[in-house]
């Protein structure tokens, strides 16, 4: 999963805008197929457990487990 994206800061993405944003990043199909995993714990990312995504040598995703969210704060 390699992405060539320009670094931009997003404060938040509304649920209605998630799929279009992922499509622009070239990640929509992977997301819908359950192929995107939390960078910290390895859980499959879904609409229900997505906490955030961020650029770190490619787009990384975090689930909403407290331990994973806390790790984002340290980045």
PDB file of N, CA and C in Angstrom:
ATOM      1  N   UNK A   1       0.847  -1.175   0.000  1.00  0.00           N
ATOM      2  CA  UNK A   1       0.000   0.000   0.000  1.00  0.00           C
ATOM      3  C   UNK A   1       0.892   1.237   0.000  1.00  0.00           C
ATOM      4  N   UNK A   2       1.219   1.743  -1.149  1.00  0.00           N
ATOM      5  CA  UNK A   2       2.088   2.894  -1.271  1.00  0.00           C
ATOM      6  C   UNK A   2       1.270   4.063  -1.777  1.00  0.00           C
ATOM      7  N   UNK A   3       1.433   5.207  -1.139  1.00  0.00           N
ATOM      8  CA  UNK A   3       0.670   6.391  -1.522  1.00  0.00           C
ATOM      9  C   UNK A   3       1.607   7.541  -1.767  1.00  0.00           C
ATOM     10  N   UNK A   4       1.353   8.274  -2.804  1.00  0.00           N
ATOM     11  CA  UNK A   4       2.108   9.470  -3.096  1.00  0.00           C
ATOM     12  C   UNK A   4       1.183  10.648  -2.849  1.00  0.00           C
ATOM     13  N   UNK A   5       1.191  11.137  -1.633  1.00  0.00           N
ATOM     14  CA  UNK A   5       0.299  12.244  -1.282  1.00  0.00           C
ATOM     15  C   UNK A   5       1.115  13.411  -0.781  1.00  0.00           C
ATOM     16  N   UNK A   6       0.577  14.589  -0.973  1.00  0.00           N
ATOM     17  CA  UNK A   6       1.203  15.782  -0.435  1.00  0.00           C
ATOM     18  C   UNK A   6       0.769  15.931   1.009  1.00  0.00           C
ATOM     19  N   UNK A   7       1.687  16.345   1.852  1.00  0.00           N
ATOM     20  CA  UNK A   7       1.378  16.473   3.275  1.00  0.00           C
ATOM     21  C   UNK A   7       0.421  17.642   3.472  1.00  0.00           C
ATOM     22  N   UNK A   8      -0.710  17.326   4.070  1.00  0.00           N
ATOM     23  CA  UNK A   8      -1.713  18.325   4.399  1.00  0.00           C
ATOM     24  C   UNK A   8      -2.231  18.005   5.777  1.00  0.00           C
ATOM     25  N   UNK A   9      -2.637  19.038   6.497  1.00  0.00           N
ATOM     26  CA  UNK A   9      -3.200  18.808   7.813  1.00  0.00           C
ATOM     27  C   UNK A   9      -4.712  18.837   7.716  1.00  0.00           C
ATOM     28  N   UNK A  10      -5.342  17.811   8.251  1.00  0.00           N
ATOM     29  CA  UNK A  10      -6.789  17.741   8.341  1.00  0.00           C
ATOM     30  C   UNK A  10      -7.144  17.672   9.812  1.00  0.00           C
ATOM     31  N   UNK A  11      -8.010  18.555  10.263  1.00  0.00           N
ATOM     32  CA  UNK A  11      -8.413  18.519  11.663  1.00  0.00           C
ATOM     33  C   UNK A  11      -9.403  17.396  11.911  1.00  0.00           C
ATOM     34  N   UNK A  12     -10.303  17.163  10.947  1.00  0.00           N
ATOM     35  CA  UNK A  12     -11.276  16.089  11.089  1.00  0.00           C
ATOM     36  C   UNK A  12     -11.892  15.808   9.734  1.00  0.00           C
ATOM     37  N   UNK A  13     -12.490  14.645   9.621  1.00  0.00           N
ATOM     38  CA  UNK A  13     -13.230  14.267   8.428  1.00  0.00           C
ATOM     39  C   UNK A  13     -14.585  13.776   8.896  1.00  0.00           C
ATOM     40  N   UNK A  14     -15.633  14.374   8.396  1.00  0.00           N
ATOM     41  CA  UNK A  14     -16.991  13.952   8.742  1.00  0.00           C
ATOM     42  C   UNK A  14     -17.251  12.579   8.136  1.00  0.00           C
ATOM     43  N   UNK A  15     -18.077  11.784   8.801  1.00  0.00           N
ATOM     44  CA  UNK A  15     -18.403  10.443   8.307  1.00  0.00           C
ATOM     45  C   UNK A  15     -18.825  10.449   6.843  1.00  0.00           C
ATOM     46  N   UNK A  16     -19.608  11.451   6.440  1.00  0.00           N
ATOM     47  CA  UNK A  16     -20.085  11.521   5.061  1.00  0.00           C
ATOM     48  C   UNK A  16     -18.956  11.770   4.065  1.00  0.00           C
ATOM     49  N   UNK A  17     -17.846  12.312   4.544  1.00  0.00           N
ATOM     50  CA  UNK A  17     -16.727  12.643   3.670  1.00  0.00           C
ATOM     51  C   UNK A  17     -15.617  11.605   3.682  1.00  0.00           C
ATOM     52  N   UNK A  18     -15.731  10.584   4.532  1.00  0.00           N
ATOM     53  CA  UNK A  18     -14.645   9.629   4.678  1.00  0.00           C
ATOM     54  C   UNK A  18     -14.318   8.895   3.383  1.00  0.00           C
ATOM     55  N   UNK A  19     -15.304   8.309   2.744  1.00  0.00           N
ATOM     56  CA  UNK A  19     -15.030   7.550   1.518  1.00  0.00           C
ATOM     57  C   UNK A  19     -14.455   8.416   0.404  1.00  0.00           C
ATOM     58  N   UNK A  20     -14.981   9.634   0.169  1.00  0.00           N
ATOM     59  CA  UNK A  20     -14.344  10.473  -0.851  1.00  0.00           C
ATOM     60  C   UNK A  20     -12.885  10.828  -0.522  1.00  0.00           C
ATOM     61  N   UNK A  21     -12.595  11.062   0.751  1.00  0.00           N
ATOM     62  CA  UNK A  21     -11.212  11.360   1.142  1.00  0.00           C
ATOM     63  C   UNK A  21     -10.336  10.129   0.914  1.00  0.00           C
ATOM     64  N   UNK A  22     -10.816   8.963   1.328  1.00  0.00           N
ATOM     65  CA  UNK A  22     -10.048   7.738   1.111  1.00  0.00           C
ATOM     66  C   UNK A  22      -9.869   7.450  -0.373  1.00  0.00           C
ATOM     67  N   UNK A  23     -10.869   7.782  -1.171  1.00  0.00           N
ATOM     68  CA  UNK A  23     -10.750   7.587  -2.616  1.00  0.00           C
ATOM     69  C   UNK A  23      -9.649   8.481  -3.188  1.00  0.00           C
ATOM     70  N   UNK A  24      -9.601   9.736  -2.756  1.00  0.00           N
ATOM     71  CA  UNK A  24      -8.550  10.650  -3.212  1.00  0.00           C
ATOM     72  C   UNK A  24      -7.167  10.148  -2.824  1.00  0.00           C
ATOM     73  N   UNK A  25      -7.093   9.454  -1.688  1.00  0.00           N
ATOM     74  CA  UNK A  25      -5.813   8.915  -1.228  1.00  0.00           C
ATOM     75  C   UNK A  25      -5.497   7.558  -1.849  1.00  0.00           C
ATOM     76  N   UNK A  26      -6.444   7.027  -2.638  1.00  0.00           N
ATOM     77  CA  UNK A  26      -6.242   5.732  -3.258  1.00  0.00           C
ATOM     78  C   UNK A  26      -6.421   4.570  -2.292  1.00  0.00           C
ATOM     79  N   UNK A  27      -7.176   4.782  -1.210  1.00  0.00           N
ATOM     80  CA  UNK A  27      -7.337   3.773  -0.167  1.00  0.00           C
ATOM     81  C   UNK A  27      -8.765   3.289   0.019  1.00  0.00           C
ATOM     82  N   UNK A  28      -9.688   3.801  -0.772  1.00  0.00           N
ATOM     83  CA  UNK A  28     -11.096   3.453  -0.593  1.00  0.00           C
ATOM     84  C   UNK A  28     -11.344   1.959  -0.751  1.00  0.00           C
ATOM     85  N   UNK A  29     -10.829   1.369  -1.807  1.00  0.00           N
ATOM     86  CA  UNK A  29     -11.084  -0.053  -2.062  1.00  0.00           C
ATOM     87  C   UNK A  29     -10.472  -0.929  -0.968  1.00  0.00           C
ATOM     88  N   UNK A  30      -9.267  -0.581  -0.523  1.00  0.00           N
ATOM     89  CA  UNK A  30      -8.640  -1.331   0.569  1.00  0.00           C
ATOM     90  C   UNK A  30      -9.465  -1.221   1.850  1.00  0.00           C
ATOM     91  N   UNK A  31      -9.975  -0.029   2.125  1.00  0.00           N
ATOM     92  CA  UNK A  31     -10.803   0.182   3.315  1.00  0.00           C
ATOM     93  C   UNK A  31     -12.067  -0.663   3.240  1.00  0.00           C
ATOM     94  N   UNK A  32     -12.752  -0.607   2.110  1.00  0.00           N
ATOM     95  CA  UNK A  32     -13.999  -1.360   1.954  1.00  0.00           C
ATOM     96  C   UNK A  32     -13.773  -2.871   1.984  1.00  0.00           C
ATOM     97  N   UNK A  33     -12.588  -3.306   1.575  1.00  0.00           N
ATOM     98  CA  UNK A  33     -12.269  -4.736   1.561  1.00  0.00           C
ATOM     99  C   UNK A  33     -11.739  -5.230   2.913  1.00  0.00           C
ATOM    100  N   UNK A  34     -11.611  -4.332   3.891  1.00  0.00           N
ATOM    101  CA  UNK A  34     -11.115  -4.734   5.205  1.00  0.00           C
ATOM    102  C   UNK A  34      -9.620  -4.999   5.231  1.00  0.00           C
ATOM    103  N   UNK A  35      -8.890  -4.332   4.355  1.00  0.00           N
ATOM    104  CA  UNK A  35      -7.449  -4.561   4.256  1.00  0.00           C
ATOM    105  C   UNK A  35      -6.608  -3.525   4.987  1.00  0.00           C
ATOM    106  N   UNK A  36      -7.251  -2.540   5.575  1.00  0.00           N
ATOM    107  CA  UNK A  36      -6.512  -1.516   6.312  1.00  0.00           C
ATOM    108  C   UNK A  36      -6.556  -1.872   7.792  1.00  0.00           C
ATOM    109  N   UNK A  37      -5.375  -1.820   8.407  1.00  0.00           N
ATOM    110  CA  UNK A  37      -5.266  -2.224   9.810  1.00  0.00           C
ATOM    111  C   UNK A  37      -4.695  -1.098  10.662  1.00  0.00           C
ATOM    112  N   UNK A  38      -5.009  -1.148  11.934  1.00  0.00           N
ATOM    113  CA  UNK A  38      -4.463  -0.196  12.892  1.00  0.00           C
ATOM    114  C   UNK A  38      -2.948  -0.372  12.942  1.00  0.00           C
ATOM    115  N   UNK A  39      -2.236   0.713  12.822  1.00  0.00           N
ATOM    116  CA  UNK A  39      -0.780   0.663  12.821  1.00  0.00           C
ATOM    117  C   UNK A  39      -0.236   0.210  14.174  1.00  0.00           C
ATOM    118  N   UNK A  40      -1.008   0.349  15.226  1.00  0.00           N
ATOM    119  CA  UNK A  40      -0.532   0.018  16.562  1.00  0.00           C
ATOM    120  C   UNK A  40      -0.890  -1.398  17.012  1.00  0.00           C
ATOM    121  N   UNK A  41      -2.118  -1.843  16.756  1.00  0.00           N
ATOM    122  CA  UNK A  41      -2.537  -3.153  17.286  1.00  0.00           C
ATOM    123  C   UNK A  41      -2.861  -4.174  16.202  1.00  0.00           C
ATOM    124  N   UNK A  42      -3.012  -3.732  14.950  1.00  0.00           N
ATOM    125  CA  UNK A  42      -3.269  -4.653  13.859  1.00  0.00           C
ATOM    126  C   UNK A  42      -4.725  -4.990  13.614  1.00  0.00           C
ATOM    127  N   UNK A  43      -5.645  -4.417  14.400  1.00  0.00           N
ATOM    128  CA  UNK A  43      -7.072  -4.650  14.152  1.00  0.00           C
ATOM    129  C   UNK A  43      -7.475  -4.067  12.806  1.00  0.00           C
ATOM    130  N   UNK A  44      -8.410  -4.724  12.138  1.00  0.00           N
ATOM    131  CA  UNK A  44      -8.949  -4.201  10.882  1.00  0.00           C
ATOM    132  C   UNK A  44      -9.715  -2.917  11.186  1.00  0.00           C
ATOM    133  N   UNK A  45      -9.472  -1.885  10.396  1.00  0.00           N
ATOM    134  CA  UNK A  45     -10.142  -0.594  10.564  1.00  0.00           C
ATOM    135  C   UNK A  45     -11.485  -0.632   9.849  1.00  0.00           C
ATOM    136  N   UNK A  46     -12.529  -0.215  10.573  1.00  0.00           N
ATOM    137  CA  UNK A  46     -13.885  -0.135  10.035  1.00  0.00           C
ATOM    138  C   UNK A  46     -14.446   1.254  10.327  1.00  0.00           C
ATOM    139  N   UNK A  47     -15.628   1.521   9.792  1.00  0.00           N
ATOM    140  CA  UNK A  47     -16.310   2.782  10.125  1.00  0.00           C
ATOM    141  C   UNK A  47     -16.528   2.902  11.626  1.00  0.00           C
ATOM    142  N   UNK A  48     -16.778   1.780  12.275  1.00  0.00           N
ATOM    143  CA  UNK A  48     -17.118   1.789  13.691  1.00  0.00           C
ATOM    144  C   UNK A  48     -15.917   2.002  14.605  1.00  0.00           C
ATOM    145  N   UNK A  49     -14.719   1.574  14.187  1.00  0.00           N
ATOM    146  CA  UNK A  49     -13.592   1.689  15.106  1.00  0.00           C
ATOM    147  C   UNK A  49     -12.503   2.661  14.645  1.00  0.00           C
ATOM    148  N   UNK A  50     -12.696   3.356  13.551  1.00  0.00           N
ATOM    149  CA  UNK A  50     -11.697   4.305  13.058  1.00  0.00           C
ATOM    150  C   UNK A  50     -11.606   5.491  14.006  1.00  0.00           C
ATOM    151  N   UNK A  51     -10.420   5.715  14.521  1.00  0.00           N
ATOM    152  CA  UNK A  51     -10.192   6.890  15.361  1.00  0.00           C
ATOM    153  C   UNK A  51      -9.568   8.007  14.535  1.00  0.00           C
ATOM    154  N   UNK A  52      -8.495   7.682  13.812  1.00  0.00           N
ATOM    155  CA  UNK A  52      -7.831   8.710  13.020  1.00  0.00           C
ATOM    156  C   UNK A  52      -6.940   8.079  11.960  1.00  0.00           C
ATOM    157  N   UNK A  53      -6.520   8.923  11.038  1.00  0.00           N
ATOM    158  CA  UNK A  53      -5.487   8.535  10.091  1.00  0.00           C
ATOM    159  C   UNK A  53      -4.558   9.715   9.917  1.00  0.00           C
ATOM    160  N   UNK A  54      -3.301   9.396   9.627  1.00  0.00           N
ATOM    161  CA  UNK A  54      -2.271  10.417   9.609  1.00  0.00           C
ATOM    162  C   UNK A  54      -1.153   9.989   8.672  1.00  0.00           C
ATOM    163  N   UNK A  55      -0.331  10.952   8.266  1.00  0.00           N
ATOM    164  CA  UNK A  55       0.785  10.689   7.369  1.00  0.00           C
ATOM    165  C   UNK A  55       2.019  10.389   8.205  1.00  0.00           C
ATOM    166  N   UNK A  56       2.632   9.270   7.923  1.00  0.00           N
ATOM    167  CA  UNK A  56       3.873   8.878   8.586  1.00  0.00           C
ATOM    168  C   UNK A  56       4.584   7.914   7.635  1.00  0.00           C
ATOM    169  N   UNK A  57       5.254   8.472   6.624  1.00  0.00           N
ATOM    170  CA  UNK A  57       5.822   7.667   5.537  1.00  0.00           C
ATOM    171  C   UNK A  57       4.722   6.834   4.887  1.00  0.00           C
ATOM    172  N   UNK A  58       3.655   7.479   4.507  1.00  0.00           N
ATOM    173  CA  UNK A  58       2.451   6.849   3.982  1.00  0.00           C
ATOM    174  C   UNK A  58       1.315   7.084   4.972  1.00  0.00           C
ATOM    175  N   UNK A  59       0.132   6.797   4.560  1.00  0.00           N
ATOM    176  CA  UNK A  59      -1.025   7.012   5.428  1.00  0.00           C
ATOM    177  C   UNK A  59      -1.144   5.860   6.405  1.00  0.00           C
ATOM    178  N   UNK A  60      -1.220   6.180   7.685  1.00  0.00           N
ATOM    179  CA  UNK A  60      -1.378   5.199   8.748  1.00  0.00           C
ATOM    180  C   UNK A  60      -2.737   5.425   9.408  1.00  0.00           C
ATOM    181  N   UNK A  61      -3.306   4.359   9.938  1.00  0.00           N
ATOM    182  CA  UNK A  61      -4.622   4.419  10.566  1.00  0.00           C
ATOM    183  C   UNK A  61      -4.527   3.941  12.004  1.00  0.00           C
ATOM    184  N   UNK A  62      -5.399   4.484  12.845  1.00  0.00           N
ATOM    185  CA  UNK A  62      -5.493   4.042  14.232  1.00  0.00           C
ATOM    186  C   UNK A  62      -6.938   3.711  14.558  1.00  0.00           C
ATOM    187  N   UNK A  63      -7.111   2.627  15.324  1.00  0.00           N
ATOM    188  CA  UNK A  63      -8.445   2.287  15.816  1.00  0.00           C
ATOM    189  C   UNK A  63      -8.738   3.118  17.063  1.00  0.00           C
ATOM    190  N   UNK A  64      -9.903   2.922  17.622  1.00  0.00           N
ATOM    191  CA  UNK A  64     -10.331   3.741  18.755  1.00  0.00           C
ATOM    192  C   UNK A  64     -10.049   3.129  20.125  1.00  0.00           C
ATOM    193  N   UNK A  65      -9.244   2.073  20.180  1.00  0.00           N
ATOM    194  CA  UNK A  65      -8.849   1.543  21.483  1.00  0.00           C
ATOM    195  C   UNK A  65      -8.031   2.609  22.212  1.00  0.00           C
ATOM    196  N   UNK A  66      -8.270   2.747  23.503  1.00  0.00           N
ATOM    197  CA  UNK A  66      -7.582   3.778  24.279  1.00  0.00           C
ATOM    198  C   UNK A  66      -6.064   3.683  24.136  1.00  0.00           C
ATOM    199  N   UNK A  67      -5.523   2.483  24.197  1.00  0.00           N
ATOM    200  CA  UNK A  67      -4.072   2.311  24.106  1.00  0.00           C
ATOM    201  C   UNK A  67      -3.544   2.817  22.763  1.00  0.00           C
ATOM    202  N   UNK A  68      -4.302   2.623  21.697  1.00  0.00           N
ATOM    203  CA  UNK A  68      -3.871   3.078  20.368  1.00  0.00           C
ATOM    204  C   UNK A  68      -4.018   4.594  20.234  1.00  0.00           C
ATOM    205  N   UNK A  69      -5.107   5.135  20.736  1.00  0.00           N
ATOM    206  CA  UNK A  69      -5.313   6.591  20.704  1.00  0.00           C
ATOM    207  C   UNK A  69      -4.217   7.284  21.512  1.00  0.00           C
ATOM    208  N   UNK A  70      -3.855   6.718  22.650  1.00  0.00           N
ATOM    209  CA  UNK A  70      -2.789   7.300  23.468  1.00  0.00           C
ATOM    210  C   UNK A  70      -1.465   7.319  22.725  1.00  0.00           C
ATOM    211  N   UNK A  71      -1.223   6.308  21.891  1.00  0.00           N
ATOM    212  CA  UNK A  71       0.024   6.268  21.127  1.00  0.00           C
ATOM    213  C   UNK A  71       0.080   7.371  20.077  1.00  0.00           C
ATOM    214  N   UNK A  72      -1.084   7.736  19.536  1.00  0.00           N
ATOM    215  CA  UNK A  72      -1.112   8.840  18.568  1.00  0.00           C
ATOM    216  C   UNK A  72      -0.677  10.127  19.239  1.00  0.00           C
ATOM    217  N   UNK A  73      -1.117  10.335  20.457  1.00  0.00           N
ATOM    218  CA  UNK A  73      -0.765  11.556  21.187  1.00  0.00           C
ATOM    219  C   UNK A  73       0.735  11.705  21.371  1.00  0.00           C
ATOM    220  N   UNK A  74       1.472  10.590  21.361  1.00  0.00           N
ATOM    221  CA  UNK A  74       2.919  10.613  21.554  1.00  0.00           C
ATOM    222  C   UNK A  74       3.679  10.868  20.274  1.00  0.00           C
ATOM    223  N   UNK A  75       3.007  10.787  19.119  1.00  0.00           N
ATOM    224  CA  UNK A  75       3.673  10.987  17.819  1.00  0.00           C
ATOM    225  C   UNK A  75       3.901  12.446  17.548  1.00  0.00           C
TER     226      UNK A  75
END
